[in-house]
Amino acid sequence: MKLMNCARQIAARDPAARSTFEVVLLYPGFHAMVYHKIANFFYRHKMFFMARWVSQICARRNGIEIHPAAKIGEGLFIDHGHGVVIGETAVIGDNCTIYHQVTLGGTGHEKNAKRHPTIGNNVLIGAGAKILGPVSIGDNSMIGAGSIVLSDVPANATFTGVKARMVKRDGQRVEVPSVELQHNPGRDPFDEEIMHIKELLHIEEE
């Protein structure tokens, strides 16, 4: 049974879990996946009211709101979970981990359009991160806690910050323009403005 495999994976990945039985009974992230399976079944059979009703029961009981139409792969681990929101056209790959207060949100109000993120396999999304719009997050990537992601993230990358920028790729540190002071065409306009303000105030870089 796929849900039991999911519970076993959660038990293996969470150091606080003492058994698969504990995950099945007590973990809101696992319960959310059970509710989503039911809601998605109703949605695929065009029983839209029932689908939303089930998803709202989940939101009230677990604090995790997953739209019935969202596509979720195997082995998703929603740790703690409260405040997680996953939108209608979101797609999540296999073996991903999402912490509390994460939003996979949409931009725009067009119907029948891709408005939410696509998350690859083996992705970790830190607490409070917001990924907005029809962006793609590559396989094996990590989104740091509190980050706001508005553009595509390549595979094997670490993105962090507001607005999130790449700090690692394939395990190697990536230079940050505001720290390295590399005045190249790819620099961030926000960083340029901060640097300009510092110059006006005669603040020396530490």
N, C-alpha and C. Protein backbone atom coordinates (compact mmCIF):
# COMPACT_ATOMS: atom_id res chain seq x y z
N MET A 1 0.85 -1.19 0.00
CA MET A 1 0.00 0.00 0.00
C MET A 1 0.89 1.25 0.00
N LYS A 2 0.66 2.16 -0.95
CA LYS A 2 1.54 3.31 -1.11
C LYS A 2 1.55 4.21 0.12
N LEU A 3 0.40 4.39 0.77
CA LEU A 3 0.38 5.24 1.95
C LEU A 3 1.22 4.65 3.08
N MET A 4 1.23 3.35 3.21
CA MET A 4 2.08 2.73 4.24
C MET A 4 3.55 2.89 3.89
N ASN A 5 3.89 2.82 2.60
CA ASN A 5 5.26 3.08 2.19
C ASN A 5 5.66 4.52 2.54
N CYS A 6 4.72 5.44 2.34
CA CYS A 6 4.96 6.83 2.70
C CYS A 6 5.22 6.96 4.20
N ALA A 7 4.43 6.27 5.01
CA ALA A 7 4.61 6.32 6.46
C ALA A 7 5.97 5.75 6.87
N ARG A 8 6.38 4.67 6.20
CA ARG A 8 7.69 4.09 6.51
C ARG A 8 8.82 5.05 6.15
N GLN A 9 8.67 5.74 5.01
CA GLN A 9 9.69 6.71 4.62
C GLN A 9 9.78 7.86 5.61
N ILE A 10 8.63 8.34 6.08
CA ILE A 10 8.62 9.42 7.07
C ILE A 10 9.32 8.96 8.34
N ALA A 11 8.99 7.75 8.78
CA ALA A 11 9.62 7.22 10.00
C ALA A 11 11.13 7.11 9.84
N ALA A 12 11.58 6.75 8.64
CA ALA A 12 13.02 6.61 8.40
C ALA A 12 13.72 7.96 8.32
N ARG A 13 13.02 8.99 7.82
CA ARG A 13 13.65 10.29 7.60
C ARG A 13 13.55 11.22 8.79
N ASP A 14 12.59 11.00 9.69
CA ASP A 14 12.42 11.88 10.84
C ASP A 14 13.08 11.27 12.07
N PRO A 15 14.13 11.89 12.61
CA PRO A 15 14.80 11.33 13.78
C PRO A 15 13.92 11.30 15.03
N ALA A 16 12.84 12.10 15.03
CA ALA A 16 11.94 12.10 16.19
C ALA A 16 10.93 10.97 16.17
N ALA A 17 10.76 10.34 15.00
CA ALA A 17 9.77 9.26 14.89
C ALA A 17 10.32 7.97 15.50
N ARG A 18 9.51 7.35 16.32
CA ARG A 18 9.94 6.10 16.97
C ARG A 18 9.46 4.86 16.24
N SER A 19 8.42 5.00 15.41
CA SER A 19 7.91 3.84 14.68
C SER A 19 6.98 4.31 13.57
N THR A 20 6.74 3.43 12.60
CA THR A 20 5.78 3.71 11.55
C THR A 20 4.37 3.85 12.14
N PHE A 21 4.08 3.07 13.16
CA PHE A 21 2.78 3.13 13.82
C PHE A 21 2.53 4.52 14.39
N GLU A 22 3.56 5.12 14.96
CA GLU A 22 3.43 6.47 15.51
C GLU A 22 3.14 7.48 14.40
N VAL A 23 3.81 7.32 13.25
CA VAL A 23 3.57 8.22 12.12
C VAL A 23 2.12 8.13 11.66
N VAL A 24 1.63 6.91 11.52
CA VAL A 24 0.26 6.70 11.02
C VAL A 24 -0.77 7.34 11.95
N LEU A 25 -0.55 7.24 13.25
CA LEU A 25 -1.53 7.72 14.21
C LEU A 25 -1.40 9.21 14.54
N LEU A 26 -0.17 9.73 14.54
CA LEU A 26 0.04 11.03 15.16
C LEU A 26 0.58 12.13 14.25
N TYR A 27 1.02 11.81 13.05
CA TYR A 27 1.68 12.82 12.22
C TYR A 27 0.69 13.54 11.32
N PRO A 28 0.50 14.86 11.50
CA PRO A 28 -0.45 15.59 10.66
C PRO A 28 -0.08 15.59 9.18
N GLY A 29 1.23 15.55 8.88
CA GLY A 29 1.65 15.51 7.48
C GLY A 29 1.20 14.24 6.79
N PHE A 30 1.26 13.11 7.51
CA PHE A 30 0.77 11.86 6.94
C PHE A 30 -0.74 11.90 6.79
N HIS A 31 -1.43 12.42 7.80
CA HIS A 31 -2.89 12.52 7.71
C HIS A 31 -3.31 13.39 6.52
N ALA A 32 -2.54 14.46 6.27
CA ALA A 32 -2.85 15.33 5.14
C ALA A 32 -2.76 14.58 3.83
N MET A 33 -1.80 13.65 3.72
CA MET A 33 -1.68 12.88 2.50
C MET A 33 -2.86 11.92 2.31
N VAL A 34 -3.35 11.37 3.43
CA VAL A 34 -4.53 10.50 3.35
C VAL A 34 -5.73 11.29 2.86
N TYR A 35 -5.95 12.47 3.47
CA TYR A 35 -7.05 13.32 3.04
C TYR A 35 -6.90 13.70 1.57
N HIS A 36 -5.67 14.01 1.15
CA HIS A 36 -5.48 14.44 -0.23
C HIS A 36 -5.78 13.31 -1.22
N LYS A 37 -5.41 12.10 -0.86
CA LYS A 37 -5.74 10.97 -1.73
C LYS A 37 -7.25 10.88 -1.96
N ILE A 38 -8.02 11.06 -0.89
CA ILE A 38 -9.48 11.00 -0.98
C ILE A 38 -10.02 12.17 -1.79
N ALA A 39 -9.54 13.39 -1.47
CA ALA A 39 -10.00 14.59 -2.16
C ALA A 39 -9.66 14.53 -3.64
N ASN A 40 -8.45 14.06 -3.96
CA ASN A 40 -8.03 13.97 -5.35
C ASN A 40 -8.87 12.96 -6.13
N PHE A 41 -9.27 11.87 -5.44
CA PHE A 41 -10.15 10.89 -6.07
C PHE A 41 -11.47 11.54 -6.48
N PHE A 42 -12.08 12.28 -5.57
CA PHE A 42 -13.33 12.97 -5.88
C PHE A 42 -13.12 13.99 -7.01
N TYR A 43 -11.99 14.71 -6.96
CA TYR A 43 -11.73 15.74 -7.97
C TYR A 43 -11.60 15.12 -9.36
N ARG A 44 -10.86 14.01 -9.46
CA ARG A 44 -10.67 13.36 -10.75
C ARG A 44 -11.98 12.80 -11.31
N HIS A 45 -12.94 12.53 -10.41
CA HIS A 45 -14.24 12.04 -10.85
C HIS A 45 -15.28 13.15 -10.92
N LYS A 46 -14.76 14.41 -10.96
CA LYS A 46 -15.58 15.60 -11.17
C LYS A 46 -16.62 15.83 -10.07
N MET A 47 -16.32 15.31 -8.87
CA MET A 47 -17.16 15.58 -7.70
C MET A 47 -16.47 16.70 -6.92
N PHE A 48 -16.51 17.91 -7.50
CA PHE A 48 -15.68 19.00 -7.03
C PHE A 48 -16.06 19.49 -5.63
N PHE A 49 -17.36 19.52 -5.33
CA PHE A 49 -17.77 19.97 -4.00
C PHE A 49 -17.25 19.02 -2.93
N MET A 50 -17.41 17.72 -3.16
CA MET A 50 -16.92 16.75 -2.19
C MET A 50 -15.40 16.84 -2.03
N ALA A 51 -14.72 17.06 -3.15
CA ALA A 51 -13.26 17.18 -3.09
C ALA A 51 -12.84 18.35 -2.21
N ARG A 52 -13.44 19.51 -2.40
CA ARG A 52 -13.09 20.67 -1.59
C ARG A 52 -13.52 20.49 -0.14
N TRP A 53 -14.63 19.82 0.07
CA TRP A 53 -15.10 19.56 1.44
C TRP A 53 -14.08 18.74 2.21
N VAL A 54 -13.56 17.68 1.58
CA VAL A 54 -12.56 16.83 2.23
C VAL A 54 -11.28 17.63 2.49
N SER A 55 -10.86 18.43 1.51
CA SER A 55 -9.62 19.20 1.70
C SER A 55 -9.78 20.23 2.81
N GLN A 56 -10.98 20.77 2.97
CA GLN A 56 -11.21 21.75 4.03
C GLN A 56 -11.27 21.08 5.41
N ILE A 57 -11.76 19.86 5.47
CA ILE A 57 -11.71 19.12 6.73
C ILE A 57 -10.25 18.94 7.15
N CYS A 58 -9.41 18.60 6.19
CA CYS A 58 -7.98 18.45 6.46
C CYS A 58 -7.39 19.76 6.97
N ALA A 59 -7.73 20.87 6.30
CA ALA A 59 -7.19 22.17 6.70
C ALA A 59 -7.60 22.52 8.13
N ARG A 60 -8.84 22.22 8.49
CA ARG A 60 -9.31 22.54 9.85
C ARG A 60 -8.65 21.65 10.90
N ARG A 61 -8.44 20.40 10.57
CA ARG A 61 -7.91 19.46 11.57
C ARG A 61 -6.39 19.49 11.68
N ASN A 62 -5.71 19.71 10.55
CA ASN A 62 -4.25 19.60 10.54
C ASN A 62 -3.53 20.90 10.25
N GLY A 63 -4.25 21.93 9.83
CA GLY A 63 -3.59 23.17 9.47
C GLY A 63 -2.82 23.10 8.17
N ILE A 64 -3.11 22.09 7.35
CA ILE A 64 -2.44 21.90 6.07
C ILE A 64 -3.50 21.95 4.98
N GLU A 65 -3.38 22.91 4.06
CA GLU A 65 -4.38 23.05 3.02
C GLU A 65 -3.78 22.66 1.67
N ILE A 66 -4.26 21.58 1.11
CA ILE A 66 -3.82 21.10 -0.19
C ILE A 66 -5.01 21.08 -1.14
N HIS A 67 -4.91 21.80 -2.23
CA HIS A 67 -6.01 21.79 -3.20
C HIS A 67 -6.16 20.38 -3.76
N PRO A 68 -7.40 19.91 -3.93
CA PRO A 68 -7.62 18.54 -4.42
C PRO A 68 -6.98 18.26 -5.77
N ALA A 69 -6.77 19.30 -6.59
CA ALA A 69 -6.22 19.08 -7.92
C ALA A 69 -4.69 19.00 -7.94
N ALA A 70 -4.04 19.36 -6.83
CA ALA A 70 -2.57 19.34 -6.80
C ALA A 70 -2.06 17.92 -7.05
N LYS A 71 -0.95 17.82 -7.78
CA LYS A 71 -0.37 16.52 -8.11
C LYS A 71 0.85 16.28 -7.23
N ILE A 72 0.81 15.21 -6.44
CA ILE A 72 1.85 14.95 -5.46
C ILE A 72 2.42 13.56 -5.67
N GLY A 73 3.74 13.47 -5.75
CA GLY A 73 4.41 12.20 -5.96
C GLY A 73 4.49 11.38 -4.69
N GLU A 74 5.29 10.34 -4.72
CA GLU A 74 5.43 9.42 -3.60
C GLU A 74 6.43 9.97 -2.57
N GLY A 75 6.18 9.62 -1.32
CA GLY A 75 7.16 9.89 -0.27
C GLY A 75 7.23 11.33 0.19
N LEU A 76 6.18 12.13 0.02
CA LEU A 76 6.20 13.51 0.52
C LEU A 76 6.16 13.50 2.04
N PHE A 77 7.09 14.22 2.67
CA PHE A 77 7.14 14.36 4.12
C PHE A 77 6.86 15.82 4.46
N ILE A 78 5.68 16.10 5.02
CA ILE A 78 5.33 17.43 5.49
C ILE A 78 5.60 17.44 7.00
N ASP A 79 6.72 18.03 7.40
CA ASP A 79 7.13 17.99 8.80
C ASP A 79 6.45 19.11 9.59
N HIS A 80 5.87 18.77 10.72
CA HIS A 80 5.06 19.69 11.54
C HIS A 80 3.82 20.10 10.76
N GLY A 81 4.00 20.87 9.69
CA GLY A 81 2.93 21.03 8.71
C GLY A 81 2.04 22.23 8.87
N HIS A 82 1.85 22.75 10.07
CA HIS A 82 0.88 23.84 10.25
C HIS A 82 1.21 25.02 9.34
N GLY A 83 0.20 25.51 8.65
CA GLY A 83 0.37 26.66 7.78
C GLY A 83 0.81 26.34 6.38
N VAL A 84 0.98 25.07 6.04
CA VAL A 84 1.37 24.70 4.67
C VAL A 84 0.17 24.89 3.74
N VAL A 85 0.43 25.54 2.59
CA VAL A 85 -0.60 25.74 1.57
C VAL A 85 -0.03 25.29 0.23
N ILE A 86 -0.74 24.39 -0.46
CA ILE A 86 -0.33 23.88 -1.76
C ILE A 86 -1.46 24.15 -2.73
N GLY A 87 -1.18 24.93 -3.78
CA GLY A 87 -2.21 25.41 -4.67
C GLY A 87 -2.67 24.41 -5.72
N GLU A 88 -3.67 24.83 -6.46
CA GLU A 88 -4.40 23.96 -7.40
C GLU A 88 -3.51 23.34 -8.46
N THR A 89 -2.66 24.11 -9.11
CA THR A 89 -1.87 23.59 -10.22
C THR A 89 -0.44 23.23 -9.80
N ALA A 90 -0.21 23.13 -8.49
CA ALA A 90 1.11 22.73 -8.00
C ALA A 90 1.39 21.27 -8.34
N VAL A 91 2.65 20.99 -8.62
CA VAL A 91 3.11 19.63 -8.87
C VAL A 91 4.32 19.38 -7.98
N ILE A 92 4.32 18.27 -7.24
CA ILE A 92 5.42 17.93 -6.35
C ILE A 92 5.93 16.55 -6.71
N GLY A 93 7.23 16.42 -6.89
CA GLY A 93 7.83 15.15 -7.26
C GLY A 93 7.95 14.19 -6.10
N ASP A 94 8.81 13.19 -6.25
CA ASP A 94 8.96 12.14 -5.26
C ASP A 94 9.99 12.51 -4.19
N ASN A 95 9.74 11.99 -2.98
CA ASN A 95 10.70 12.06 -1.86
C ASN A 95 11.07 13.49 -1.48
N CYS A 96 10.09 14.38 -1.48
CA CYS A 96 10.33 15.77 -1.09
C CYS A 96 10.01 15.97 0.39
N THR A 97 10.61 17.00 0.98
CA THR A 97 10.34 17.36 2.37
C THR A 97 9.94 18.82 2.42
N ILE A 98 8.83 19.09 3.08
CA ILE A 98 8.31 20.45 3.22
C ILE A 98 8.08 20.71 4.70
N TYR A 99 8.60 21.83 5.20
CA TYR A 99 8.40 22.20 6.60
C TYR A 99 7.22 23.15 6.75
N HIS A 100 6.90 23.49 8.00
CA HIS A 100 5.71 24.28 8.29
C HIS A 100 5.80 25.69 7.68
N GLN A 101 4.61 26.27 7.47
CA GLN A 101 4.43 27.63 6.96
C GLN A 101 4.91 27.80 5.50
N VAL A 102 5.09 26.72 4.79
CA VAL A 102 5.49 26.82 3.37
C VAL A 102 4.26 27.08 2.51
N THR A 103 4.42 27.95 1.52
CA THR A 103 3.35 28.22 0.55
C THR A 103 3.84 27.91 -0.85
N LEU A 104 3.12 27.06 -1.55
CA LEU A 104 3.32 26.88 -2.99
C LEU A 104 2.15 27.60 -3.65
N GLY A 105 2.33 28.89 -3.86
CA GLY A 105 1.21 29.75 -4.22
C GLY A 105 1.17 30.13 -5.68
N GLY A 106 0.04 30.70 -6.07
CA GLY A 106 -0.18 31.07 -7.45
C GLY A 106 -0.04 32.56 -7.68
N THR A 107 0.11 32.92 -8.93
CA THR A 107 0.08 34.32 -9.35
C THR A 107 -0.90 34.42 -10.52
N GLY A 108 -1.63 35.51 -10.56
CA GLY A 108 -2.64 35.67 -11.60
C GLY A 108 -3.93 34.97 -11.21
N HIS A 109 -4.97 35.22 -12.01
CA HIS A 109 -6.27 34.63 -11.71
C HIS A 109 -6.88 33.92 -12.93
N GLU A 110 -6.02 33.59 -13.90
CA GLU A 110 -6.54 32.91 -15.09
C GLU A 110 -7.00 31.50 -14.75
N LYS A 111 -8.14 31.12 -15.28
CA LYS A 111 -8.61 29.75 -15.10
C LYS A 111 -7.96 28.84 -16.13
N ASN A 112 -7.82 27.56 -15.77
CA ASN A 112 -7.24 26.56 -16.66
C ASN A 112 -5.85 26.95 -17.14
N ALA A 113 -5.09 27.57 -16.25
CA ALA A 113 -3.72 27.96 -16.56
C ALA A 113 -2.81 27.51 -15.42
N LYS A 114 -1.55 27.29 -15.72
CA LYS A 114 -0.57 26.90 -14.72
C LYS A 114 -0.19 28.13 -13.90
N ARG A 115 -0.57 28.14 -12.62
CA ARG A 115 -0.34 29.31 -11.77
C ARG A 115 0.57 29.01 -10.58
N HIS A 116 0.87 27.73 -10.35
CA HIS A 116 1.59 27.33 -9.14
C HIS A 116 2.89 26.61 -9.49
N PRO A 117 3.77 26.44 -8.51
CA PRO A 117 5.10 25.86 -8.79
C PRO A 117 5.08 24.38 -9.16
N THR A 118 6.15 23.98 -9.82
CA THR A 118 6.44 22.57 -10.07
C THR A 118 7.72 22.23 -9.32
N ILE A 119 7.63 21.29 -8.40
CA ILE A 119 8.74 20.91 -7.54
C ILE A 119 9.29 19.57 -8.02
N GLY A 120 10.60 19.49 -8.22
CA GLY A 120 11.22 18.26 -8.69
C GLY A 120 11.32 17.20 -7.61
N ASN A 121 12.13 16.19 -7.85
CA ASN A 121 12.33 15.10 -6.90
C ASN A 121 13.40 15.46 -5.86
N ASN A 122 13.24 14.92 -4.67
CA ASN A 122 14.24 15.04 -3.60
C ASN A 122 14.53 16.49 -3.23
N VAL A 123 13.51 17.33 -3.24
CA VAL A 123 13.65 18.74 -2.91
C VAL A 123 13.29 18.97 -1.45
N LEU A 124 14.07 19.82 -0.76
CA LEU A 124 13.76 20.22 0.61
C LEU A 124 13.39 21.69 0.61
N ILE A 125 12.24 22.01 1.22
CA ILE A 125 11.76 23.39 1.30
C ILE A 125 11.66 23.77 2.77
N GLY A 126 12.48 24.73 3.19
CA GLY A 126 12.59 25.10 4.59
C GLY A 126 11.37 25.84 5.12
N ALA A 127 11.28 25.92 6.44
CA ALA A 127 10.13 26.53 7.12
C ALA A 127 9.91 27.97 6.66
N GLY A 128 8.66 28.28 6.36
CA GLY A 128 8.29 29.64 6.02
C GLY A 128 8.61 30.07 4.61
N ALA A 129 9.16 29.19 3.79
CA ALA A 129 9.50 29.57 2.41
C ALA A 129 8.23 29.77 1.58
N LYS A 130 8.29 30.71 0.67
CA LYS A 130 7.18 30.99 -0.24
C LYS A 130 7.67 30.85 -1.67
N ILE A 131 7.08 29.93 -2.40
CA ILE A 131 7.42 29.73 -3.81
C ILE A 131 6.18 30.10 -4.61
N LEU A 132 6.29 31.15 -5.42
CA LEU A 132 5.10 31.76 -6.02
C LEU A 132 5.18 31.75 -7.53
N GLY A 133 4.08 31.36 -8.14
CA GLY A 133 3.97 31.39 -9.59
C GLY A 133 4.37 30.08 -10.23
N PRO A 134 4.28 30.00 -11.56
CA PRO A 134 4.54 28.75 -12.29
C PRO A 134 6.03 28.51 -12.51
N VAL A 135 6.79 28.58 -11.42
CA VAL A 135 8.24 28.38 -11.49
C VAL A 135 8.56 26.89 -11.31
N SER A 136 9.77 26.50 -11.69
CA SER A 136 10.21 25.11 -11.55
C SER A 136 11.37 25.05 -10.57
N ILE A 137 11.32 24.08 -9.68
CA ILE A 137 12.40 23.84 -8.73
C ILE A 137 13.05 22.52 -9.13
N GLY A 138 14.33 22.56 -9.48
CA GLY A 138 15.01 21.39 -10.00
C GLY A 138 15.23 20.30 -8.97
N ASP A 139 15.51 19.10 -9.44
CA ASP A 139 15.75 17.95 -8.56
C ASP A 139 16.90 18.22 -7.60
N ASN A 140 16.77 17.66 -6.40
CA ASN A 140 17.85 17.68 -5.40
C ASN A 140 18.21 19.08 -4.93
N SER A 141 17.29 20.03 -5.07
CA SER A 141 17.56 21.40 -4.65
C SER A 141 17.04 21.64 -3.24
N MET A 142 17.54 22.72 -2.62
CA MET A 142 17.08 23.11 -1.29
C MET A 142 16.71 24.58 -1.30
N ILE A 143 15.55 24.88 -0.72
CA ILE A 143 15.09 26.25 -0.55
C ILE A 143 15.19 26.58 0.94
N GLY A 144 15.97 27.60 1.27
CA GLY A 144 16.21 27.93 2.67
C GLY A 144 14.98 28.47 3.36
N ALA A 145 14.96 28.35 4.69
CA ALA A 145 13.84 28.83 5.50
C ALA A 145 13.63 30.32 5.28
N GLY A 146 12.36 30.70 5.14
CA GLY A 146 12.01 32.09 4.99
C GLY A 146 12.26 32.69 3.62
N SER A 147 12.70 31.91 2.68
CA SER A 147 13.02 32.43 1.34
C SER A 147 11.74 32.70 0.54
N ILE A 148 11.87 33.63 -0.38
CA ILE A 148 10.79 33.92 -1.33
C ILE A 148 11.34 33.66 -2.73
N VAL A 149 10.78 32.66 -3.40
CA VAL A 149 11.27 32.24 -4.70
C VAL A 149 10.28 32.66 -5.78
N LEU A 150 10.76 33.45 -6.73
CA LEU A 150 9.90 33.97 -7.80
C LEU A 150 10.40 33.58 -9.18
N SER A 151 11.48 32.79 -9.24
CA SER A 151 12.04 32.38 -10.53
C SER A 151 12.50 30.94 -10.44
N ASP A 152 12.81 30.35 -11.57
CA ASP A 152 13.21 28.94 -11.62
C ASP A 152 14.49 28.70 -10.83
N VAL A 153 14.56 27.51 -10.23
CA VAL A 153 15.74 27.07 -9.49
C VAL A 153 16.31 25.85 -10.21
N PRO A 154 17.60 25.87 -10.58
CA PRO A 154 18.17 24.71 -11.28
C PRO A 154 18.34 23.52 -10.36
N ALA A 155 18.61 22.37 -10.93
CA ALA A 155 18.85 21.17 -10.14
C ALA A 155 20.12 21.32 -9.31
N ASN A 156 20.13 20.62 -8.16
CA ASN A 156 21.31 20.55 -7.30
C ASN A 156 21.74 21.92 -6.77
N ALA A 157 20.79 22.83 -6.59
CA ALA A 157 21.12 24.18 -6.15
C ALA A 157 20.52 24.46 -4.78
N THR A 158 21.12 25.42 -4.07
CA THR A 158 20.58 25.93 -2.81
C THR A 158 20.23 27.39 -3.01
N PHE A 159 18.97 27.74 -2.78
CA PHE A 159 18.51 29.12 -2.89
C PHE A 159 18.07 29.61 -1.52
N THR A 160 18.41 30.84 -1.20
CA THR A 160 17.99 31.39 0.08
C THR A 160 17.90 32.91 -0.01
N GLY A 161 17.10 33.50 0.86
CA GLY A 161 17.00 34.95 0.93
C GLY A 161 15.69 35.49 0.43
N VAL A 162 15.55 36.80 0.56
CA VAL A 162 14.36 37.53 0.11
C VAL A 162 14.85 38.68 -0.75
N LYS A 163 14.67 38.63 -1.98
CA LYS A 163 14.27 37.56 -2.89
C LYS A 163 15.36 36.50 -2.94
N ALA A 164 14.96 35.22 -3.04
CA ALA A 164 15.93 34.13 -2.97
C ALA A 164 16.89 34.18 -4.15
N ARG A 165 18.18 33.91 -3.85
CA ARG A 165 19.20 33.80 -4.89
C ARG A 165 20.04 32.57 -4.62
N MET A 166 20.72 32.11 -5.64
CA MET A 166 21.51 30.89 -5.50
C MET A 166 22.76 31.16 -4.68
N VAL A 167 22.99 30.31 -3.66
CA VAL A 167 24.21 30.40 -2.86
C VAL A 167 25.09 29.17 -3.02
N LYS A 168 24.52 28.05 -3.52
CA LYS A 168 25.30 26.86 -3.82
C LYS A 168 24.78 26.20 -5.07
N ARG A 169 25.71 25.59 -5.83
CA ARG A 169 25.34 24.79 -7.00
C ARG A 169 26.26 23.59 -7.04
N ASP A 170 25.68 22.40 -7.07
CA ASP A 170 26.46 21.16 -7.04
C ASP A 170 27.42 21.12 -5.85
N GLY A 171 26.93 21.66 -4.72
CA GLY A 171 27.72 21.62 -3.49
C GLY A 171 28.78 22.70 -3.37
N GLN A 172 28.94 23.53 -4.39
CA GLN A 172 29.97 24.58 -4.38
C GLN A 172 29.32 25.94 -4.13
N ARG A 173 29.98 26.74 -3.28
CA ARG A 173 29.46 28.05 -2.95
C ARG A 173 29.46 28.95 -4.18
N VAL A 174 28.38 29.72 -4.32
CA VAL A 174 28.25 30.68 -5.41
C VAL A 174 28.47 32.07 -4.84
N GLU A 175 29.24 32.89 -5.53
CA GLU A 175 29.52 34.23 -5.04
C GLU A 175 28.24 35.06 -4.99
N VAL A 176 28.09 35.83 -3.91
CA VAL A 176 26.97 36.75 -3.75
C VAL A 176 27.47 38.15 -4.07
N PRO A 177 26.92 38.83 -5.08
CA PRO A 177 27.46 40.12 -5.51
C PRO A 177 27.61 41.14 -4.40
N SER A 178 26.66 41.21 -3.47
CA SER A 178 26.73 42.22 -2.42
C SER A 178 27.86 41.96 -1.43
N VAL A 179 28.33 40.73 -1.40
CA VAL A 179 29.44 40.39 -0.51
C VAL A 179 30.76 40.43 -1.27
N GLU A 180 30.77 39.83 -2.46
CA GLU A 180 32.01 39.76 -3.24
C GLU A 180 32.29 41.05 -4.00
N LEU A 181 31.28 41.93 -4.13
CA LEU A 181 31.42 43.20 -4.84
C LEU A 181 31.90 43.03 -6.27
N GLN A 182 31.37 42.01 -6.91
CA GLN A 182 31.67 41.78 -8.32
C GLN A 182 30.71 42.64 -9.14
N HIS A 183 31.23 43.72 -9.71
CA HIS A 183 30.37 44.65 -10.45
C HIS A 183 30.20 44.16 -11.88
N ASN A 184 29.35 43.17 -12.05
CA ASN A 184 29.12 42.61 -13.38
C ASN A 184 27.68 42.84 -13.78
N PRO A 185 27.33 42.61 -15.04
CA PRO A 185 25.96 42.89 -15.49
C PRO A 185 24.90 42.06 -14.81
N GLY A 186 25.28 40.96 -14.15
CA GLY A 186 24.28 40.11 -13.53
C GLY A 186 23.96 40.48 -12.11
N ARG A 187 24.45 41.61 -11.62
CA ARG A 187 24.24 41.95 -10.22
C ARG A 187 22.77 42.28 -9.94
N ASP A 188 22.38 42.15 -8.69
CA ASP A 188 21.00 42.36 -8.28
C ASP A 188 20.74 43.86 -8.09
N PRO A 189 19.70 44.43 -8.69
CA PRO A 189 19.42 45.86 -8.54
C PRO A 189 19.20 46.27 -7.09
N PHE A 190 18.62 45.39 -6.30
CA PHE A 190 18.40 45.70 -4.89
C PHE A 190 19.74 45.86 -4.17
N ASP A 191 20.68 44.94 -4.46
CA ASP A 191 22.01 45.04 -3.86
C ASP A 191 22.71 46.33 -4.30
N GLU A 192 22.55 46.70 -5.57
CA GLU A 192 23.15 47.94 -6.05
C GLU A 192 22.64 49.13 -5.26
N GLU A 193 21.34 49.16 -5.00
CA GLU A 193 20.74 50.29 -4.29
C GLU A 193 21.26 50.36 -2.86
N ILE A 194 21.38 49.21 -2.19
CA ILE A 194 21.91 49.19 -0.83
C ILE A 194 23.35 49.69 -0.80
N MET A 195 24.15 49.23 -1.76
CA MET A 195 25.53 49.66 -1.83
C MET A 195 25.63 51.16 -2.07
N HIS A 196 24.74 51.69 -2.91
CA HIS A 196 24.73 53.12 -3.19
C HIS A 196 24.38 53.92 -1.93
N ILE A 197 23.41 53.44 -1.17
CA ILE A 197 23.03 54.12 0.08
C ILE A 197 24.19 54.11 1.06
N LYS A 198 24.89 52.98 1.15
CA LYS A 198 26.06 52.91 2.04
C LYS A 198 27.13 53.91 1.64
N GLU A 199 27.35 54.05 0.33
CA GLU A 199 28.34 55.01 -0.14
C GLU A 199 27.94 56.43 0.24
N LEU A 200 26.65 56.74 0.11
CA LEU A 200 26.18 58.08 0.47
C LEU A 200 26.35 58.35 1.96
N LEU A 201 26.19 57.32 2.77
CA LEU A 201 26.30 57.48 4.22
C LEU A 201 27.73 57.24 4.71
N HIS A 202 28.63 56.97 3.78
CA HIS A 202 30.04 56.73 4.11
C HIS A 202 30.21 55.57 5.09
N ILE A 203 29.44 54.51 4.85
CA ILE A 203 29.55 53.32 5.69
C ILE A 203 30.53 52.38 5.04
N GLU A 204 31.56 52.02 5.75
CA GLU A 204 32.56 51.12 5.21
C GLU A 204 32.07 49.69 5.31
N GLU A 205 32.42 48.89 4.28
CA GLU A 205 32.10 47.47 4.29
C GLU A 205 32.92 46.78 5.36
N GLU A 206 32.26 45.95 6.16
CA GLU A 206 32.98 45.20 7.19
C GLU A 206 33.61 43.97 6.60
